[in-house]
Amino acid sequence: MAEIEKVKEKEIERKEIEKEKEIEKAEYEEVEGLCPECGSPNLVHDYERAEMVCERCGLVIERDFIDMGPEWRAFDSEQRMKRSRVGAPMTYTIHDKGLSTMIDWRNKDFYGKSISSRSRAQLFRLRKWQRRIRVSNATERNLAFALSELDRMASALGLPRNVRETAAVIYRKAVEKNLIRGRSIEGVAAAALYAACRQNSVPRTLDEISEYSRVGRKEIGRTYRFIARELGLKLLPTSAMDYVPRFCSALGLSGEVQQKAIEILRQAQEKELTSGRGPTGVAAAAIYIASILSGQRRTQREVAEVAGVTEVTIRNRYKELAEELDIEIIL
């Protein structure tokens, strides 16, 4: 009898362990976005009933879930801005991350009515102290100046928002590690912007950045190398293909030319013709060849001006590409 009871106990334990494993499996599958019943990934959110249902077998996987969105609807961006009750998102491009308040310069209240002359003097004082409080010490003042310099250069270069945010983060890291000491704020800001362009695959040359900054090309390059080494930035070499869309757009060339230029560069990379050569020069030569082949001819001078290289560079590169890739060019 004792042996039979032991066998029964072991059987019950085995069943409990199997049941626990099944529950764990079901929970895992639910987390992974699969139906625990049939394993289907087609899960539908029914917002009217506040349920998550499997489309294949109809199992209700979750119910009474909370809709985290707003209770109002908007049908265009203007309506969305009017109905939104929150401020702008946090940003690294402002020294206080955009979390401080601002007193508007217009002498009007919330309803758009003019403020009385007695209150205007008080508002003037509030604005003055608000400006002083926002930048309280020398560190914040330097950071505010550097970030405004970053924004100015990025606007002049036509860089997108993600590049500006990345540049601001790189600059803040440089400040935290005390890499600014002994270097100009403008130089470090320009180097951070160049590094951000490289990271986000929106390449700009050192010449282009130095054109809109207040420091020289040599100083930007030196500071960039120092920051990249100290912060451990993993930056791949820029590819000639990254420059093609921008150069083609500036020259007013069609998508066909752009595609042909990228194809030429891809063949050149396979034959290792681009290694050891400046990416802008190779890209300019590929665009020059593609424009001739597509019947949308551009002169070497026009391409050189857009790419920021000399006509001699384009001549040398396009001869190398044409010879190695067996491209027949009729001038």
Protein backbone atom coordinates (compact mmCIF):
# COMPACT_ATOMS: atom_id res chain seq x y z
CA MET A 1 0.00 0.00 0.00
CA ALA A 2 2.82 2.38 0.89
CA GLU A 3 4.44 1.80 -2.51
CA ILE A 4 1.14 2.52 -4.32
CA GLU A 5 0.76 5.81 -2.40
CA LYS A 6 4.32 6.81 -3.32
CA VAL A 7 3.61 6.12 -7.00
CA LYS A 8 0.42 8.20 -6.80
CA GLU A 9 2.29 11.08 -5.13
CA LYS A 10 4.97 11.00 -7.86
CA GLU A 11 2.27 11.00 -10.55
CA ILE A 12 0.56 14.02 -8.94
CA GLU A 13 3.92 15.87 -8.72
CA ARG A 14 4.65 15.08 -12.37
CA LYS A 15 1.25 16.42 -13.46
CA GLU A 16 1.72 19.61 -11.40
CA ILE A 17 5.16 20.19 -12.96
CA GLU A 18 3.73 19.68 -16.46
CA LYS A 19 0.88 22.08 -15.67
CA GLU A 20 3.33 24.74 -14.45
CA LYS A 21 5.39 24.32 -17.62
CA GLU A 22 2.26 24.74 -19.77
CA ILE A 23 1.33 27.93 -17.88
CA GLU A 24 4.87 29.30 -18.30
CA LYS A 25 4.77 28.45 -22.02
CA ALA A 26 1.38 30.17 -22.43
CA GLU A 27 2.67 33.28 -20.61
CA TYR A 28 5.81 33.32 -22.77
CA GLU A 29 3.78 32.98 -25.96
CA GLU A 30 1.45 35.75 -24.80
CA VAL A 31 4.43 38.04 -24.18
CA GLU A 32 5.88 37.13 -27.57
CA GLY A 33 2.61 38.17 -29.26
CA LEU A 34 1.33 34.65 -30.02
CA CYS A 35 -2.03 33.08 -29.16
CA PRO A 36 -1.55 30.57 -26.27
CA GLU A 37 -4.31 28.34 -27.75
CA CYS A 38 -3.40 28.01 -31.44
CA GLY A 39 -0.05 29.88 -31.64
CA SER A 40 -1.34 32.40 -34.20
CA PRO A 41 0.41 35.80 -34.33
CA ASN A 42 -2.77 37.50 -35.65
CA LEU A 43 -3.99 39.24 -32.47
CA VAL A 44 -6.59 42.00 -32.81
CA HIS A 45 -7.25 44.84 -30.34
CA ASP A 46 -11.00 45.45 -30.00
CA TYR A 47 -11.12 48.94 -28.46
CA GLU A 48 -14.92 48.97 -28.14
CA ARG A 49 -14.88 45.94 -25.83
CA ALA A 50 -11.35 46.62 -24.47
CA GLU A 51 -10.24 43.11 -25.43
CA MET A 52 -7.39 41.47 -27.28
CA VAL A 53 -8.74 38.59 -29.39
CA CYS A 54 -7.07 35.93 -31.55
CA GLU A 55 -8.24 36.33 -35.13
CA ARG A 56 -7.93 32.60 -35.91
CA CYS A 57 -9.55 30.79 -32.94
CA GLY A 58 -11.42 33.69 -31.26
CA LEU A 59 -9.76 33.28 -27.83
CA VAL A 60 -9.94 36.39 -25.63
CA ILE A 61 -6.31 36.73 -24.52
CA GLU A 62 -6.63 39.99 -22.58
CA ARG A 63 -9.57 42.08 -21.46
CA ASP A 64 -10.25 45.42 -19.73
CA PHE A 65 -6.98 46.89 -21.02
CA ILE A 66 -6.44 50.64 -20.77
CA ASP A 67 -6.30 52.84 -23.86
CA MET A 68 -3.35 55.19 -23.23
CA GLY A 69 -4.32 57.60 -26.01
CA PRO A 70 -6.27 60.89 -25.62
CA GLU A 71 -10.05 60.96 -25.24
CA TRP A 72 -10.39 63.42 -28.16
CA ARG A 73 -10.01 62.97 -31.90
CA ALA A 74 -8.28 65.25 -34.39
CA PHE A 75 -8.42 65.20 -38.17
CA ASP A 76 -5.51 67.51 -39.05
CA SER A 77 -2.31 68.83 -37.47
CA GLU A 78 -3.82 72.25 -36.60
CA GLN A 79 -6.73 70.65 -34.74
CA ARG A 80 -4.33 68.30 -32.94
CA MET A 81 -2.19 71.21 -31.75
CA LYS A 82 -5.25 73.09 -30.44
CA ARG A 83 -6.68 70.12 -28.53
CA SER A 84 -3.39 68.88 -27.08
CA ARG A 85 -2.94 69.74 -23.40
CA VAL A 86 0.74 68.88 -23.14
CA GLY A 87 3.88 70.86 -23.90
CA ALA A 88 6.69 70.19 -26.32
CA PRO A 89 8.71 66.96 -25.87
CA MET A 90 12.03 66.95 -24.05
CA THR A 91 14.95 67.90 -26.28
CA TYR A 92 18.72 67.91 -25.79
CA THR A 93 19.13 70.88 -28.14
CA ILE A 94 18.13 73.33 -25.36
CA HIS A 95 20.37 73.71 -22.32
CA ASP A 96 17.52 72.98 -19.84
CA LYS A 97 16.14 70.20 -22.13
CA GLY A 98 13.07 72.32 -22.87
CA LEU A 99 11.55 71.71 -19.43
CA SER A 100 11.53 75.32 -18.20
CA THR A 101 8.70 77.81 -18.70
CA MET A 102 8.68 80.83 -20.97
CA ILE A 103 6.77 84.10 -20.51
CA ASP A 104 5.42 85.27 -23.85
CA TRP A 105 6.56 88.68 -25.13
CA ARG A 106 3.00 89.65 -26.16
CA ASN A 107 1.05 91.61 -23.55
CA LYS A 108 -2.06 89.42 -23.77
CA ASP A 109 -3.68 86.98 -21.38
CA PHE A 110 -4.85 83.40 -21.98
CA TYR A 111 -8.06 84.56 -23.65
CA GLY A 112 -6.25 86.94 -26.02
CA LYS A 113 -7.30 90.12 -24.18
CA SER A 114 -4.82 92.96 -23.68
CA ILE A 115 -3.23 93.20 -20.24
CA SER A 116 -3.73 96.41 -18.27
CA SER A 117 -0.91 98.95 -18.03
CA ARG A 118 -0.54 98.27 -14.29
CA SER A 119 0.15 94.57 -14.89
CA ARG A 120 2.53 95.24 -17.80
CA ALA A 121 5.26 96.59 -15.51
CA GLN A 122 5.00 93.45 -13.39
CA LEU A 123 5.18 91.26 -16.51
CA PHE A 124 8.27 93.12 -17.69
CA ARG A 125 10.00 92.37 -14.37
CA LEU A 126 8.91 88.71 -14.52
CA ARG A 127 10.31 88.33 -18.03
CA LYS A 128 13.61 89.89 -16.99
CA TRP A 129 14.02 87.54 -13.99
CA GLN A 130 12.86 84.56 -16.04
CA ARG A 131 15.71 85.18 -18.49
CA ARG A 132 18.21 85.46 -15.64
CA ILE A 133 16.98 82.36 -13.81
CA ARG A 134 17.01 80.13 -16.92
CA VAL A 135 20.80 80.55 -17.18
CA SER A 136 22.00 80.60 -13.60
CA ASN A 137 25.76 79.86 -13.79
CA ALA A 138 28.72 79.91 -16.18
CA THR A 139 28.38 76.22 -17.14
CA GLU A 140 24.76 76.67 -18.19
CA ARG A 141 25.64 79.89 -20.01
CA ASN A 142 28.38 78.13 -22.02
CA LEU A 143 26.08 75.18 -22.76
CA ALA A 144 23.31 77.51 -23.93
CA PHE A 145 25.76 79.31 -26.24
CA ALA A 146 27.17 76.04 -27.63
CA LEU A 147 23.73 74.57 -28.33
CA SER A 148 22.56 77.75 -30.03
CA GLU A 149 25.74 77.62 -32.17
CA LEU A 150 24.95 73.98 -33.02
CA ASP A 151 21.42 74.92 -34.04
CA ARG A 152 22.67 77.78 -36.20
CA MET A 153 25.14 75.58 -38.10
CA ALA A 154 22.61 72.75 -38.50
CA SER A 155 20.02 75.18 -39.90
CA ALA A 156 22.55 76.61 -42.38
CA LEU A 157 23.51 73.09 -43.50
CA GLY A 158 19.85 71.96 -43.71
CA LEU A 159 20.34 69.04 -41.30
CA PRO A 160 17.35 67.06 -39.92
CA ARG A 161 16.20 66.96 -36.30
CA ASN A 162 17.78 63.62 -35.39
CA VAL A 163 21.26 64.91 -36.36
CA ARG A 164 20.80 67.99 -34.14
CA GLU A 165 19.73 65.83 -31.18
CA THR A 166 22.71 63.48 -31.66
CA ALA A 167 25.13 66.42 -31.90
CA ALA A 168 23.70 67.92 -28.68
CA VAL A 169 24.12 64.57 -26.86
CA ILE A 170 27.76 64.26 -28.05
CA TYR A 171 28.51 67.82 -26.90
CA ARG A 172 26.93 67.18 -23.47
CA LYS A 173 29.07 64.02 -23.07
CA ALA A 174 32.17 66.05 -23.95
CA VAL A 175 31.23 68.59 -21.24
CA GLU A 176 30.68 65.82 -18.66
CA LYS A 177 34.13 64.35 -19.41
CA ASN A 178 35.72 67.82 -19.24
CA LEU A 179 36.97 67.67 -22.85
CA ILE A 180 36.10 71.33 -23.50
CA ARG A 181 38.93 72.72 -21.37
CA GLY A 182 41.56 74.39 -23.55
CA ARG A 183 39.40 74.29 -26.68
CA SER A 184 37.00 76.78 -28.20
CA ILE A 185 33.27 76.18 -27.75
CA GLU A 186 32.69 76.75 -31.49
CA GLY A 187 35.34 74.17 -32.42
CA VAL A 188 33.90 71.45 -30.15
CA ALA A 189 30.33 72.23 -31.32
CA ALA A 190 31.39 71.95 -34.98
CA ALA A 191 33.24 68.67 -34.28
CA ALA A 192 30.16 67.26 -32.47
CA LEU A 193 28.00 68.19 -35.46
CA TYR A 194 30.41 66.49 -37.87
CA ALA A 195 30.42 63.34 -35.71
CA ALA A 196 26.59 63.37 -35.56
CA CYS A 197 26.42 63.61 -39.37
CA ARG A 198 28.71 60.58 -39.64
CA GLN A 199 26.68 58.61 -37.09
CA ASN A 200 23.34 59.28 -38.80
CA SER A 201 24.62 58.62 -42.36
CA VAL A 202 23.92 62.23 -43.40
CA PRO A 203 27.46 63.03 -44.53
CA ARG A 204 28.79 66.56 -44.66
CA THR A 205 32.43 67.32 -45.42
CA LEU A 206 34.73 69.21 -43.06
CA ASP A 207 34.87 72.00 -45.65
CA GLU A 208 31.08 72.40 -45.60
CA ILE A 209 30.96 72.56 -41.79
CA SER A 210 33.92 74.96 -41.56
CA GLU A 211 32.18 77.24 -44.08
CA TYR A 212 29.33 77.88 -41.63
CA SER A 213 31.32 77.69 -38.38
CA ARG A 214 33.63 80.30 -36.91
CA VAL A 215 36.68 78.01 -36.84
CA GLY A 216 38.94 76.52 -39.50
CA ARG A 217 38.82 73.09 -41.10
CA LYS A 218 42.05 71.95 -39.44
CA GLU A 219 40.84 72.75 -35.92
CA ILE A 220 37.49 70.99 -36.49
CA GLY A 221 39.27 67.86 -37.76
CA ARG A 222 41.72 67.86 -34.84
CA THR A 223 38.92 68.34 -32.25
CA TYR A 224 36.75 65.69 -33.93
CA ARG A 225 39.51 63.08 -33.74
CA PHE A 226 40.13 63.91 -30.07
CA ILE A 227 36.42 63.69 -29.14
CA ALA A 228 35.89 60.45 -31.10
CA ARG A 229 38.88 58.86 -29.31
CA GLU A 230 37.94 60.05 -25.80
CA LEU A 231 34.20 59.23 -26.08
CA GLY A 232 34.80 55.93 -27.89
CA LEU A 233 32.62 56.82 -30.87
CA LYS A 234 32.43 53.97 -33.38
CA LEU A 235 32.27 55.75 -36.74
CA LEU A 236 32.57 53.94 -40.05
CA PRO A 237 34.24 55.66 -43.02
CA THR A 238 31.80 57.63 -45.16
CA SER A 239 30.69 55.94 -48.36
CA ALA A 240 30.65 57.70 -51.73
CA MET A 241 27.06 56.48 -52.23
CA ASP A 242 25.86 58.63 -49.31
CA TYR A 243 26.77 61.80 -51.25
CA VAL A 244 25.05 60.84 -54.52
CA PRO A 245 21.42 61.85 -53.71
CA ARG A 246 22.44 65.30 -52.43
CA PHE A 247 24.77 66.07 -55.33
CA CYS A 248 22.22 64.87 -57.91
CA SER A 249 19.52 67.01 -56.31
CA ALA A 250 21.78 70.09 -56.36
CA LEU A 251 22.56 69.47 -60.06
CA GLY A 252 18.88 68.95 -60.93
CA LEU A 253 19.43 65.40 -62.19
CA SER A 254 16.72 62.73 -62.35
CA GLY A 255 16.39 59.54 -60.31
CA GLU A 256 17.63 57.54 -63.30
CA VAL A 257 21.03 59.30 -63.14
CA GLN A 258 21.15 58.80 -59.38
CA GLN A 259 20.44 55.07 -59.73
CA LYS A 260 23.06 54.68 -62.48
CA ALA A 261 25.68 56.53 -60.40
CA ILE A 262 25.01 54.26 -57.40
CA GLU A 263 25.34 51.21 -59.65
CA ILE A 264 28.71 52.48 -60.95
CA LEU A 265 29.93 53.03 -57.38
CA ARG A 266 28.75 49.56 -56.35
CA GLN A 267 30.77 47.99 -59.17
CA ALA A 268 33.75 50.18 -58.23
CA GLN A 269 33.56 48.99 -54.60
CA GLU A 270 33.49 45.36 -55.71
CA LYS A 271 36.72 45.96 -57.67
CA GLU A 272 38.18 48.01 -54.76
CA LEU A 273 38.57 51.14 -56.85
CA THR A 274 37.21 53.44 -54.11
CA SER A 275 39.69 52.50 -51.38
CA GLY A 276 42.24 55.21 -50.63
CA ARG A 277 40.31 57.87 -52.52
CA GLY A 278 38.15 60.72 -51.26
CA PRO A 279 34.45 59.73 -51.27
CA THR A 280 33.30 63.11 -52.64
CA GLY A 281 35.66 62.91 -55.63
CA VAL A 282 34.59 59.35 -56.49
CA ALA A 283 30.90 60.23 -56.09
CA ALA A 284 31.32 63.30 -58.34
CA ALA A 285 33.06 61.23 -61.04
CA ALA A 286 30.30 58.56 -60.93
CA ILE A 287 27.61 61.27 -61.27
CA TYR A 288 29.51 62.83 -64.19
CA ILE A 289 29.67 59.47 -66.00
CA ALA A 290 26.00 58.67 -65.22
CA SER A 291 24.85 62.09 -66.49
CA ILE A 292 26.59 61.51 -69.85
CA LEU A 293 25.25 57.94 -70.19
CA SER A 294 21.69 59.10 -69.39
CA GLY A 295 21.76 62.01 -71.83
CA GLN A 296 21.52 64.63 -69.03
CA ARG A 297 25.05 65.92 -69.46
CA ARG A 298 26.61 68.16 -66.83
CA THR A 299 30.04 69.77 -67.22
CA GLN A 300 32.97 68.88 -64.99
CA ARG A 301 32.95 72.41 -63.60
CA GLU A 302 29.26 72.18 -62.55
CA VAL A 303 29.81 68.83 -60.81
CA ALA A 304 33.03 70.07 -59.17
CA GLU A 305 31.33 73.16 -57.73
CA VAL A 306 28.54 71.10 -56.16
CA ALA A 307 30.87 68.37 -54.82
CA GLY A 308 33.48 70.80 -53.51
CA VAL A 309 36.38 69.17 -55.43
CA THR A 310 38.55 70.29 -58.33
CA GLU A 311 37.94 69.50 -62.00
CA VAL A 312 41.31 67.68 -62.10
CA THR A 313 40.09 65.28 -59.39
CA ILE A 314 36.93 64.49 -61.37
CA ARG A 315 38.96 63.95 -64.57
CA ASN A 316 41.35 61.54 -62.85
CA ARG A 317 38.61 59.60 -61.08
CA TYR A 318 36.26 59.31 -64.04
CA LYS A 319 39.11 58.04 -66.28
CA GLU A 320 39.98 55.38 -63.68
CA LEU A 321 36.34 54.28 -63.34
CA ALA A 322 35.71 54.23 -67.10
CA GLU A 323 38.88 52.25 -67.79
CA GLU A 324 38.46 49.66 -65.01
CA LEU A 325 34.68 49.16 -65.48
CA ASP A 326 34.84 49.15 -69.31
CA ILE A 327 32.45 52.09 -69.66
CA GLU A 328 32.47 53.73 -73.06
CA ILE A 329 32.00 57.51 -72.78
CA ILE A 330 31.29 59.55 -75.90
CA LEU A 331 32.22 63.16 -75.19
